[in-house]
Protein backbone atom coordinates (compact mmCIF):
# COMPACT_ATOMS: atom_id res chain seq x y z
CA MET A 1 15.85 -8.43 -21.39
CA ALA A 2 13.04 -6.49 -19.70
CA GLY A 3 10.52 -4.73 -21.87
CA ASN A 4 9.05 -1.32 -21.24
CA VAL A 5 5.47 -0.19 -20.87
CA ARG A 6 4.81 3.47 -21.60
CA PHE A 7 1.91 5.44 -20.15
CA ALA A 8 1.41 8.74 -21.99
CA PHE A 9 -0.24 11.42 -19.84
CA SER A 10 -2.48 14.10 -21.28
CA ALA A 11 -3.44 17.19 -19.30
CA SER A 12 -6.66 15.40 -18.30
CA ASP A 13 -4.67 12.37 -17.14
CA MET A 14 -2.44 14.53 -14.96
CA ALA A 15 -5.44 16.25 -13.40
CA ARG A 16 -7.05 12.90 -12.52
CA THR A 17 -3.95 11.07 -11.26
CA ARG A 18 -4.09 10.35 -7.54
CA PHE A 19 -2.50 8.36 -4.72
CA ALA A 20 -4.56 5.86 -2.74
CA VAL A 21 -4.25 3.03 -0.22
CA SER A 22 -5.65 -0.35 -1.33
CA PRO A 23 -6.24 -3.10 1.27
CA LEU A 24 -6.98 -5.52 -1.58
CA TRP A 25 -3.65 -4.82 -3.24
CA GLU A 26 -1.90 -5.56 0.06
CA VAL A 27 -3.75 -8.91 0.05
CA VAL A 28 -2.32 -9.70 -3.38
CA ALA A 29 1.16 -8.40 -2.60
CA SER A 30 1.27 -10.23 0.74
CA VAL A 31 0.21 -13.51 -0.88
CA ARG A 32 3.18 -13.15 -3.22
CA ALA A 33 5.47 -12.17 -0.33
CA PHE A 34 4.21 -15.18 1.65
CA GLN A 35 5.25 -17.51 -1.15
CA ASN A 36 8.64 -15.81 -1.64
CA ALA A 37 9.66 -15.10 1.97
CA GLY A 38 13.08 -16.67 2.38
CA PRO A 39 15.01 -17.04 5.65
CA HIS A 40 16.38 -13.49 5.41
CA SER A 41 13.22 -11.75 4.21
CA VAL A 42 12.04 -8.77 6.25
CA HIS A 43 8.57 -10.38 6.16
CA ARG A 44 9.77 -13.77 7.42
CA ARG A 45 8.49 -13.30 10.97
CA TRP A 46 5.06 -12.36 9.64
CA ARG A 47 5.04 -15.40 7.36
CA ASP A 48 5.98 -17.77 10.17
CA GLU A 49 3.16 -16.38 12.31
CA VAL A 50 0.42 -16.63 9.70
CA ALA A 51 1.43 -19.88 7.95
CA PRO A 52 -0.18 -22.23 10.52
CA ARG A 53 -3.41 -20.19 10.48
CA LEU A 54 -3.65 -20.30 6.69
CA ALA A 55 -2.91 -24.04 6.60
CA ALA A 56 -5.59 -24.74 9.22
CA ALA A 57 -8.11 -22.79 7.10
CA GLY A 58 -7.10 -24.63 3.90
CA LEU A 59 -5.69 -21.48 2.34
CA ASP A 60 -2.29 -23.00 1.66
CA ARG A 61 -3.93 -24.54 -1.45
CA CYS A 62 -6.70 -22.37 -2.86
CA LEU A 63 -7.92 -20.36 -5.85
CA LEU A 64 -6.35 -17.15 -4.46
CA LEU A 65 -2.88 -18.72 -4.52
CA ASP A 66 -3.49 -20.08 -8.03
CA LEU A 67 -4.32 -16.58 -9.27
CA VAL A 68 -1.40 -14.96 -7.42
CA PRO A 69 1.63 -17.16 -8.23
CA PRO A 70 5.08 -16.44 -6.73
CA ALA A 71 6.04 -14.55 -9.89
CA GLY A 72 4.43 -13.49 -13.13
CA TYR A 73 1.01 -12.23 -14.10
CA THR A 74 -1.89 -11.68 -11.70
CA PRO A 75 -5.31 -10.92 -13.23
CA ASP A 76 -6.17 -7.24 -13.05
CA PHE A 77 -9.75 -7.96 -11.98
CA ILE A 78 -8.44 -8.94 -8.52
CA THR A 79 -7.21 -5.37 -7.88
CA PRO A 80 -9.81 -2.85 -9.06
CA PRO A 81 -8.95 0.83 -8.57
CA PRO A 82 -9.44 1.71 -4.88
CA ALA A 83 -12.01 4.29 -3.92
CA THR A 84 -11.37 7.19 -1.56
CA GLY A 85 -13.55 8.85 1.05
CA PRO A 86 -16.50 7.35 2.94
CA GLY A 87 -17.18 3.73 2.04
CA ALA A 88 -13.64 3.02 0.84
CA GLY A 89 -11.89 -0.10 2.09
CA LEU A 90 -11.75 -3.84 1.57
CA PRO A 91 -15.55 -4.49 1.46
CA ALA A 92 -15.97 -1.92 -1.32
CA GLU A 93 -13.05 -3.38 -3.28
CA LEU A 94 -14.42 -6.92 -2.92
CA ARG A 95 -17.79 -5.77 -4.25
CA GLU A 96 -15.96 -4.52 -7.35
CA VAL A 97 -14.23 -7.89 -7.74
CA ALA A 98 -17.51 -9.79 -7.36
CA ALA A 99 -19.12 -7.59 -10.03
CA THR A 100 -16.47 -8.34 -12.69
CA PRO A 101 -18.31 -9.32 -15.92
CA ALA A 102 -17.86 -12.97 -16.89
CA PRO A 103 -16.35 -12.12 -20.32
CA GLU A 104 -13.67 -10.00 -18.61
CA VAL A 105 -12.79 -12.81 -16.21
CA ARG A 106 -12.40 -15.28 -19.08
CA ARG A 107 -10.49 -12.78 -21.23
CA GLU A 108 -7.87 -12.13 -18.55
CA LEU A 109 -7.49 -15.79 -17.62
CA ASP A 110 -7.14 -16.83 -21.26
CA ALA A 111 -4.84 -13.97 -22.29
CA TYR A 112 -2.07 -15.10 -19.96
CA GLY A 113 -2.66 -18.84 -19.98
CA LEU A 114 -3.40 -19.22 -16.27
CA ARG A 115 -4.46 -22.84 -15.83
CA THR A 116 -5.04 -25.03 -12.78
CA ALA A 117 -8.07 -27.16 -11.94
CA ARG A 118 -9.48 -24.37 -9.78
CA ILE A 119 -8.88 -21.77 -12.49
CA GLU A 120 -10.52 -24.02 -15.08
CA ALA A 121 -13.58 -24.19 -12.83
CA MET A 122 -13.58 -20.38 -12.58
CA ASP A 123 -13.36 -20.08 -16.34
CA ALA A 124 -16.33 -22.42 -16.70
CA ASP A 125 -18.43 -20.54 -14.11
CA PRO A 126 -17.00 -17.04 -13.45
CA ALA A 127 -19.77 -16.02 -11.05
CA ASP A 128 -19.17 -19.02 -8.82
CA GLY A 129 -15.41 -18.54 -9.12
CA LEU A 130 -15.63 -14.89 -8.08
CA ALA A 131 -17.80 -15.81 -5.09
CA ARG A 132 -15.23 -18.41 -4.06
CA LEU A 133 -12.35 -15.98 -4.56
CA THR A 134 -13.90 -13.16 -2.52
CA ALA A 135 -14.76 -15.59 0.30
CA GLU A 136 -11.14 -16.79 0.36
CA ILE A 137 -9.87 -13.20 0.41
CA ARG A 138 -12.09 -12.34 3.39
CA THR A 139 -10.78 -15.32 5.33
CA TYR A 140 -7.20 -14.58 4.31
CA TRP A 141 -7.62 -10.97 5.42
CA GLU A 142 -8.88 -11.95 8.88
CA LEU A 143 -6.07 -14.45 9.42
CA ALA A 144 -3.07 -12.84 7.71
CA LEU A 145 -3.56 -9.07 7.55
CA ALA A 146 -6.24 -7.76 9.92
CA PRO A 147 -4.08 -8.28 13.06
CA TYR A 148 -1.29 -6.23 11.49
CA TRP A 149 -3.33 -3.75 9.45
CA PRO A 150 -3.05 -0.70 11.77
CA ARG A 151 0.75 -0.62 11.45
CA VAL A 152 0.68 -1.43 7.72
CA GLN A 153 -2.01 1.18 7.08
CA ALA A 154 -0.07 3.81 9.03
CA VAL A 155 3.00 3.32 6.81
CA LEU A 156 0.91 3.43 3.63
CA GLU A 157 -1.04 6.54 4.61
CA ALA A 158 2.17 8.29 5.67
CA ASP A 159 3.58 7.57 2.20
CA VAL A 160 0.46 8.94 0.48
CA PHE A 161 0.68 12.08 2.60
CA HIS A 162 4.39 12.47 1.79
CA GLN A 163 3.83 12.01 -1.95
CA ALA A 164 0.91 14.44 -2.00
CA ARG A 165 3.03 17.11 -0.31
CA ARG A 166 5.88 16.56 -2.78
CA LEU A 167 3.46 16.70 -5.71
CA ALA A 168 2.17 20.07 -4.52
CA ALA A 169 5.62 21.46 -3.73
CA ASP A 170 7.82 20.00 -6.47
CA GLY A 171 5.49 18.90 -9.26
CA ALA A 172 4.78 15.66 -11.11
CA GLU A 173 8.26 15.17 -12.54
CA ALA A 174 9.91 15.07 -9.11
CA VAL A 175 7.36 12.60 -7.74
CA LEU A 176 6.61 10.27 -10.65
CA GLY A 177 10.25 9.90 -11.56
CA ASP A 178 11.22 8.95 -8.01
CA LEU A 179 8.79 6.13 -7.18
CA HIS A 180 11.22 3.32 -8.00
CA PRO A 181 14.45 2.82 -10.01
CA THR A 182 12.46 0.96 -12.70
CA VAL A 183 10.08 3.91 -13.18
CA ARG A 184 11.06 6.94 -15.25
CA TRP A 185 9.23 10.14 -16.14
CA GLY A 186 9.96 12.39 -19.07
CA ALA A 187 8.12 14.47 -21.65
CA GLY A 188 4.73 13.49 -20.23
CA VAL A 189 5.42 9.76 -20.41
CA LEU A 190 5.75 7.35 -17.48
CA THR A 191 7.98 4.43 -18.52
CA VAL A 192 8.03 1.25 -16.43
CA ASP A 193 10.45 -1.63 -16.92
CA LYS A 194 8.07 -4.60 -17.10
CA LYS A 195 8.07 -7.88 -18.98
CA HIS A 196 5.00 -9.24 -20.75
CA CYS A 197 3.19 -5.89 -20.91
CA PRO A 198 2.00 -3.96 -23.95
CA PRO A 199 4.54 -1.29 -24.98
CA GLY A 200 2.03 1.55 -24.94
CA VAL A 201 -1.06 2.02 -22.76
CA ASP A 202 -3.73 4.65 -23.39
CA LEU A 203 -4.90 6.21 -20.13
CA GLY A 204 -7.96 7.59 -21.88
CA GLY A 205 -8.00 10.86 -19.98
CA ARG A 206 -8.86 9.02 -16.74
CA GLY A 207 -5.44 9.37 -15.16
CA MET A 208 -3.72 6.76 -13.03
CA VAL A 209 -4.01 5.55 -9.45
CA LEU A 210 -0.65 5.27 -7.67
CA VAL A 211 -0.80 2.73 -4.85
CA PRO A 212 1.98 2.27 -2.25
CA SER A 213 2.65 -1.22 -0.89
CA VAL A 214 4.46 -2.57 2.16
CA PHE A 215 4.66 -6.10 0.79
CA ALA A 216 5.70 -5.32 -2.81
CA TRP A 217 9.17 -4.30 -1.68
CA SER A 218 11.19 -5.65 -4.60
CA GLY A 219 9.60 -3.90 -7.56
CA VAL A 220 6.54 -2.35 -9.11
CA ALA A 221 3.41 -3.75 -10.71
CA THR A 222 0.91 -2.28 -13.13
CA THR A 223 -2.58 -2.98 -14.39
CA THR A 224 -2.78 -2.90 -18.16
CA ALA A 225 -5.34 -5.58 -19.07
CA ALA A 226 -8.49 -4.37 -17.33
CA PRO A 227 -10.60 -1.63 -18.98
CA SER A 228 -10.74 0.37 -15.73
CA VAL A 229 -8.41 3.17 -14.61
CA LYS A 230 -4.81 2.01 -14.81
CA GLN A 231 -2.75 1.60 -11.64
CA LEU A 232 0.88 1.54 -10.60
CA PHE A 233 1.80 -0.28 -7.39
CA TYR A 234 5.15 0.74 -5.90
CA PRO A 235 7.11 0.05 -2.68
CA SER A 236 6.04 2.40 0.08
CA ARG A 237 8.50 4.57 1.94
CA GLY A 238 9.23 2.94 5.28
CA TRP A 239 8.08 -0.53 4.20
CA GLY A 240 11.01 -2.12 6.03
CA SER A 241 9.97 -0.55 9.35
CA VAL A 242 6.63 -2.34 9.61
CA TRP A 243 7.98 -5.20 11.72
CA HIS A 244 10.61 -3.06 13.48
CA ASP A 245 9.88 -2.99 17.22
CA GLU A 246 12.82 -0.99 18.52
CA ARG A 247 11.80 2.18 20.33
CA ALA A 248 13.08 5.51 19.09
CA PRO A 249 15.73 7.10 21.38
CA VAL A 250 14.40 9.92 23.54
CA PRO A 251 16.67 13.00 23.29
CA ALA A 252 17.54 13.95 26.88
CA ALA A 253 17.86 17.69 26.21
CA VAL A 254 14.40 17.83 24.58
CA ALA A 255 12.92 15.71 27.39
CA ALA A 256 14.28 18.21 29.92
CA VAL A 257 12.32 20.99 28.22
CA LEU A 258 9.14 19.25 27.02
CA GLY A 259 8.96 16.30 29.40
CA ARG A 260 9.88 12.70 28.61
CA THR A 261 6.48 11.69 27.18
CA ARG A 262 6.27 14.55 24.69
CA ALA A 263 9.92 14.07 23.74
CA LEU A 264 9.19 10.37 23.14
CA LEU A 265 6.24 11.19 20.87
CA LEU A 266 8.40 13.66 18.97
CA ALA A 267 11.09 11.01 18.50
CA GLU A 268 8.48 8.54 17.24
CA LEU A 269 7.35 11.04 14.61
CA ALA A 270 10.35 10.43 12.37
CA ALA A 271 7.57 9.56 9.89
CA PRO A 272 3.97 10.84 10.07
CA ALA A 273 1.81 8.72 12.37
CA SER A 274 -1.71 8.61 13.79
CA THR A 275 -2.75 8.81 17.43
CA SER A 276 -3.62 5.10 17.55
CA GLU A 277 -0.30 4.09 15.99
CA LEU A 278 1.65 6.19 18.48
CA ALA A 279 -0.35 4.73 21.35
CA ASP A 280 0.38 1.21 20.11
CA ARG A 281 4.10 1.90 19.74
CA THR A 282 4.61 3.72 23.05
CA GLY A 283 2.19 1.89 25.34
CA LEU A 284 0.45 5.16 26.23
CA SER A 285 -3.31 5.51 26.15
CA ALA A 286 -4.84 6.97 23.01
CA GLY A 287 -6.39 9.75 25.10
CA GLY A 288 -3.06 10.61 26.67
CA VAL A 289 -1.32 10.67 23.29
CA SER A 290 -4.05 12.92 21.93
CA GLN A 291 -3.65 15.40 24.80
CA HIS A 292 0.12 15.59 24.37
CA LEU A 293 -0.16 15.97 20.59
CA THR A 294 -2.67 18.78 21.02
CA ALA A 295 -0.25 20.62 23.28
CA LEU A 296 2.61 20.08 20.83
CA ARG A 297 0.44 21.24 17.94
CA ASP A 298 -0.65 24.38 19.83
CA ALA A 299 3.04 25.15 20.37
CA GLY A 300 3.80 24.75 16.67
CA ILE A 301 5.98 21.68 17.26
CA VAL A 302 3.79 19.20 15.36
CA SER A 303 1.12 19.63 12.70
CA ALA A 304 -1.96 17.53 11.96
CA HIS A 305 -3.21 16.53 8.51
CA ARG A 306 -6.23 14.42 7.55
CA VAL A 307 -5.47 11.57 5.14
CA GLY A 308 -8.55 9.52 4.28
CA ARG A 309 -10.17 8.51 7.57
CA SER A 310 -7.04 9.09 9.64
CA VAL A 311 -5.34 12.16 11.04
CA LEU A 312 -1.54 12.00 10.72
CA TYR A 313 0.77 14.04 12.89
CA MET A 314 4.21 15.15 11.77
CA ARG A 315 7.08 17.25 13.03
CA THR A 316 7.30 20.90 12.04
CA ALA A 317 10.49 22.83 11.29
CA VAL A 318 10.46 23.93 14.95
CA ALA A 319 10.61 20.28 16.04
CA GLU A 320 13.41 19.48 13.65
CA SER A 321 15.41 22.43 15.02
CA LEU A 322 14.86 21.22 18.58
CA LEU A 323 15.99 17.72 17.75
CA ALA A 324 18.97 18.89 15.71
CA GLY A 325 20.09 21.13 18.56
CA SER A 326 19.98 18.23 21.02
CA ALA A 327 21.97 15.85 18.79
């Protein structure tokens, strides 16, 4: 029977809780998805594409896979809390991993009994083990995630934008209690159904970082062992659409009024998207997409919102009325 871990939120914790995108968490989640991708998995095509590359680089047997098994515990020091703003991204996260104190590395490895020959070597020399791990992650990133990152990142940033809007409009209870069926919110306590976790975790007034994931589609994960800010990783909205290549239908009535290209962009904005993502999906130039979006924004049909280093466009109520009228 699954146990529960309870995170009690003070007023300070609520004020400091935030959503963020973590490239390093997607590394960890994708490693697990790679090992679990069955014949009917939504990520199967991705796995089949990257498997030969990883094998050629020797990453089908490595320290990263030892530390991220198909199921069970993964050391918290691999996924430090992601930063936001300038300088955020995978390099910054890897610097945090490399700076993990040796006692913390050994404590987390020993606490959960992770043992292979490569992990034993890391336990004996944490600094060398961390250097090896971060080098493997960089190679894994270039081979397995970098080619697909724009579409993955677009889904993740759209989710963060959506959650931030809901938080402002509906409050913490509506958002935190709706992240996943195994996550519940009530009376200032976030309860997560998780095995092998302590029943109660003190957030220490530092809040929590909520991190969406495309690859962690089947459940949630938490950090409870590391002394840093606690995190909750949950399945992103739209995670199943990442590998979906079908084009959105262009409503003929809207195309007759706005033109086919602008109607196409409006159809593609079923979820918030950036200029580069729309250009990639439609085959239009980024400059052309930008011009059309500017015209649609000036007409009040789409709106633009900055999320991190990207600008996401989304339909307005005017757009939804247009599309509903053409259905």
